[in-house]
Amino acid sequence: MTLSLVSGLKLDADQAQRLLKALSDPLRRQVLEQLSSGERCVCDLTESMALSQSRLSFHLKVMKDAGLLGDRQKGRWVYYRIQPESLNALQGWLHELTRSCETAASSCCE
């Protein structure tokens, strides 16, 4: 099922599933909260979240693969940022799903 969004973006059920899975982990939600104030270096995230780099890297990869995060490399450091269009697309998908649920059943059984 693909739902069209107001912004013109489309999100299919598989994409929505990847985004929801990425958001389902409490640690990944903490990463999003850390990034909500803007781009951060992975070294800053490791320190502020008191995580090993390997553990954080796993979660960052899941989020990046889902499309929640973007990154850029500067020297030996990687900087991560939230991809707001992915969150907007998921929000739109959920909104359209909610609107679909409000449709009354047809009267074929009467």
C-alpha atoms as a PDB file:
ATOM      1  CA  MET A   1       0.000   0.000   0.000  1.00  0.00           C
ATOM      2  CA  THR A   2       1.458   3.326  -1.083  1.00  0.00           C
ATOM      3  CA  LEU A   3      -0.053   6.500   0.257  1.00  0.00           C
ATOM      4  CA  SER A   4       0.418   9.877  -1.388  1.00  0.00           C
ATOM      5  CA  LEU A   5       1.313  12.677   0.941  1.00  0.00           C
ATOM      6  CA  VAL A   6       0.518  16.367   0.900  1.00  0.00           C
ATOM      7  CA  SER A   7       4.200  17.143   0.301  1.00  0.00           C
ATOM      8  CA  GLY A   8       4.178  15.004  -2.834  1.00  0.00           C
ATOM      9  CA  LEU A   9       6.387  12.324  -1.281  1.00  0.00           C
ATOM     10  CA  LYS A  10       5.222   8.732  -1.270  1.00  0.00           C
ATOM     11  CA  LEU A  11       5.918   6.217   1.427  1.00  0.00           C
ATOM     12  CA  ASP A  12       5.086   2.563   0.889  1.00  0.00           C
ATOM     13  CA  ALA A  13       4.400   0.037   3.644  1.00  0.00           C
ATOM     14  CA  ASP A  14       7.955  -1.342   3.528  1.00  0.00           C
ATOM     15  CA  GLN A  15       9.463   2.118   3.949  1.00  0.00           C
ATOM     16  CA  ALA A  16       7.066   2.873   6.795  1.00  0.00           C
ATOM     17  CA  GLN A  17       8.029  -0.420   8.438  1.00  0.00           C
ATOM     18  CA  ARG A  18      11.752   0.443   8.256  1.00  0.00           C
ATOM     19  CA  LEU A  19      11.126   3.868   9.769  1.00  0.00           C
ATOM     20  CA  LEU A  20       8.909   2.499  12.528  1.00  0.00           C
ATOM     21  CA  LYS A  21      11.420  -0.246  13.321  1.00  0.00           C
ATOM     22  CA  ALA A  22      14.213   2.320  13.522  1.00  0.00           C
ATOM     23  CA  LEU A  23      12.096   4.398  15.897  1.00  0.00           C
ATOM     24  CA  SER A  24      11.065   1.433  18.053  1.00  0.00           C
ATOM     25  CA  ASP A  25      14.323   1.203  19.976  1.00  0.00           C
ATOM     26  CA  PRO A  26      14.678   3.500  23.026  1.00  0.00           C
ATOM     27  CA  LEU A  27      18.364   4.110  22.335  1.00  0.00           C
ATOM     28  CA  ARG A  28      17.640   5.217  18.772  1.00  0.00           C
ATOM     29  CA  ARG A  29      14.968   7.589  20.040  1.00  0.00           C
ATOM     30  CA  GLN A  30      17.616   9.047  22.371  1.00  0.00           C
ATOM     31  CA  VAL A  31      19.885   9.540  19.367  1.00  0.00           C
ATOM     32  CA  LEU A  32      17.075  11.431  17.623  1.00  0.00           C
ATOM     33  CA  GLU A  33      16.621  13.598  20.692  1.00  0.00           C
ATOM     34  CA  GLN A  34      20.369  14.318  20.717  1.00  0.00           C
ATOM     35  CA  LEU A  35      20.216  15.276  17.039  1.00  0.00           C
ATOM     36  CA  SER A  36      17.059  17.371  17.373  1.00  0.00           C
ATOM     37  CA  SER A  37      19.206  20.415  18.123  1.00  0.00           C
ATOM     38  CA  GLY A  38      21.255  19.935  14.957  1.00  0.00           C
ATOM     39  CA  GLU A  39      24.103  18.009  13.403  1.00  0.00           C
ATOM     40  CA  ARG A  40      26.471  16.232  15.789  1.00  0.00           C
ATOM     41  CA  CYS A  41      29.773  14.442  15.451  1.00  0.00           C
ATOM     42  CA  VAL A  42      29.710  10.744  16.252  1.00  0.00           C
ATOM     43  CA  CYS A  43      32.384  11.362  18.888  1.00  0.00           C
ATOM     44  CA  ASP A  44      30.048  13.831  20.659  1.00  0.00           C
ATOM     45  CA  LEU A  45      27.183  11.346  20.532  1.00  0.00           C
ATOM     46  CA  THR A  46      29.387   8.574  21.918  1.00  0.00           C
ATOM     47  CA  GLU A  47      30.424  10.773  24.823  1.00  0.00           C
ATOM     48  CA  SER A  48      27.035  12.322  25.632  1.00  0.00           C
ATOM     49  CA  MET A  49      25.241   8.969  25.501  1.00  0.00           C
ATOM     50  CA  ALA A  50      28.004   7.047  27.299  1.00  0.00           C
ATOM     51  CA  LEU A  51      28.062   4.313  24.654  1.00  0.00           C
ATOM     52  CA  SER A  52      30.813   2.398  22.961  1.00  0.00           C
ATOM     53  CA  GLN A  53      31.429   3.532  19.415  1.00  0.00           C
ATOM     54  CA  SER A  54      30.600   0.074  18.035  1.00  0.00           C
ATOM     55  CA  ARG A  55      27.224  -0.025  19.787  1.00  0.00           C
ATOM     56  CA  LEU A  56      26.356   3.501  18.679  1.00  0.00           C
ATOM     57  CA  SER A  57      27.547   2.791  15.121  1.00  0.00           C
ATOM     58  CA  PHE A  58      25.151  -0.166  14.874  1.00  0.00           C
ATOM     59  CA  HIS A  59      22.193   2.015  15.832  1.00  0.00           C
ATOM     60  CA  LEU A  60      23.285   4.862  13.566  1.00  0.00           C
ATOM     61  CA  LYS A  61      23.499   2.427  10.651  1.00  0.00           C
ATOM     62  CA  VAL A  62      19.962   1.154  11.275  1.00  0.00           C
ATOM     63  CA  MET A  63      18.697   4.728  11.361  1.00  0.00           C
ATOM     64  CA  LYS A  64      20.648   5.757   8.286  1.00  0.00           C
ATOM     65  CA  ASP A  65      19.494   2.690   6.329  1.00  0.00           C
ATOM     66  CA  ALA A  66      15.901   3.546   7.253  1.00  0.00           C
ATOM     67  CA  GLY A  67      16.399   7.067   5.921  1.00  0.00           C
ATOM     68  CA  LEU A  68      16.072   8.809   9.292  1.00  0.00           C
ATOM     69  CA  LEU A  69      19.619  10.141   9.304  1.00  0.00           C
ATOM     70  CA  GLY A  70      22.019  11.691   6.881  1.00  0.00           C
ATOM     71  CA  ASP A  71      25.741  11.983   7.417  1.00  0.00           C
ATOM     72  CA  ARG A  72      28.817  13.692   6.113  1.00  0.00           C
ATOM     73  CA  GLN A  73      32.467  12.995   6.696  1.00  0.00           C
ATOM     74  CA  LYS A  74      34.945  15.724   7.569  1.00  0.00           C
ATOM     75  CA  GLY A  75      38.438  14.393   8.014  1.00  0.00           C
ATOM     76  CA  ARG A  76      38.243  11.315  10.178  1.00  0.00           C
ATOM     77  CA  TRP A  77      34.951  12.323  11.833  1.00  0.00           C
ATOM     78  CA  VAL A  78      31.401  11.580  10.714  1.00  0.00           C
ATOM     79  CA  TYR A  79      28.647  14.073  11.442  1.00  0.00           C
ATOM     80  CA  TYR A  80      25.004  12.934  11.640  1.00  0.00           C
ATOM     81  CA  ARG A  81      21.799  14.883  11.183  1.00  0.00           C
ATOM     82  CA  ILE A  82      18.100  14.079  11.113  1.00  0.00           C
ATOM     83  CA  GLN A  83      16.493  13.825   7.689  1.00  0.00           C
ATOM     84  CA  PRO A  84      13.274  15.758   8.408  1.00  0.00           C
ATOM     85  CA  GLU A  85      11.705  14.692   5.123  1.00  0.00           C
ATOM     86  CA  SER A  86      11.644  11.076   6.363  1.00  0.00           C
ATOM     87  CA  LEU A  87       9.861  12.054   9.563  1.00  0.00           C
ATOM     88  CA  ASN A  88       7.470  14.226   7.553  1.00  0.00           C
ATOM     89  CA  ALA A  89       6.788  11.350   5.162  1.00  0.00           C
ATOM     90  CA  LEU A  90       6.082   8.988   8.060  1.00  0.00           C
ATOM     91  CA  GLN A  91       3.828  11.563   9.690  1.00  0.00           C
ATOM     92  CA  GLY A  92       1.950  11.968   6.410  1.00  0.00           C
ATOM     93  CA  TRP A  93       1.684   8.202   5.951  1.00  0.00           C
ATOM     94  CA  LEU A  94       0.220   7.846   9.447  1.00  0.00           C
ATOM     95  CA  HIS A  95      -2.165  10.732   8.776  1.00  0.00           C
ATOM     96  CA  GLU A  96      -3.399   9.149   5.536  1.00  0.00           C
ATOM     97  CA  LEU A  97      -3.734   5.791   7.266  1.00  0.00           C
ATOM     98  CA  THR A  98      -5.821   7.441   9.973  1.00  0.00           C
ATOM     99  CA  ARG A  99      -8.029   9.131   7.389  1.00  0.00           C
ATOM    100  CA  SER A 100      -8.540   5.795   5.640  1.00  0.00           C
ATOM    101  CA  CYS A 101      -9.696   4.250   8.918  1.00  0.00           C
ATOM    102  CA  GLU A 102     -12.443   6.837   9.231  1.00  0.00           C
ATOM    103  CA  THR A 103     -14.162   5.665   6.028  1.00  0.00           C
ATOM    104  CA  ALA A 104     -17.481   3.985   6.729  1.00  0.00           C
ATOM    105  CA  ALA A 105     -17.990   0.425   5.554  1.00  0.00           C
ATOM    106  CA  SER A 106     -20.037  -0.124   2.443  1.00  0.00           C
ATOM    107  CA  SER A 107     -23.543  -1.475   2.978  1.00  0.00           C
ATOM    108  CA  CYS A 108     -23.007  -4.679   1.002  1.00  0.00           C
ATOM    109  CA  CYS A 109     -24.106  -6.933   3.876  1.00  0.00           C
ATOM    110  CA  GLU A 110     -27.505  -5.376   4.467  1.00  0.00           C
END
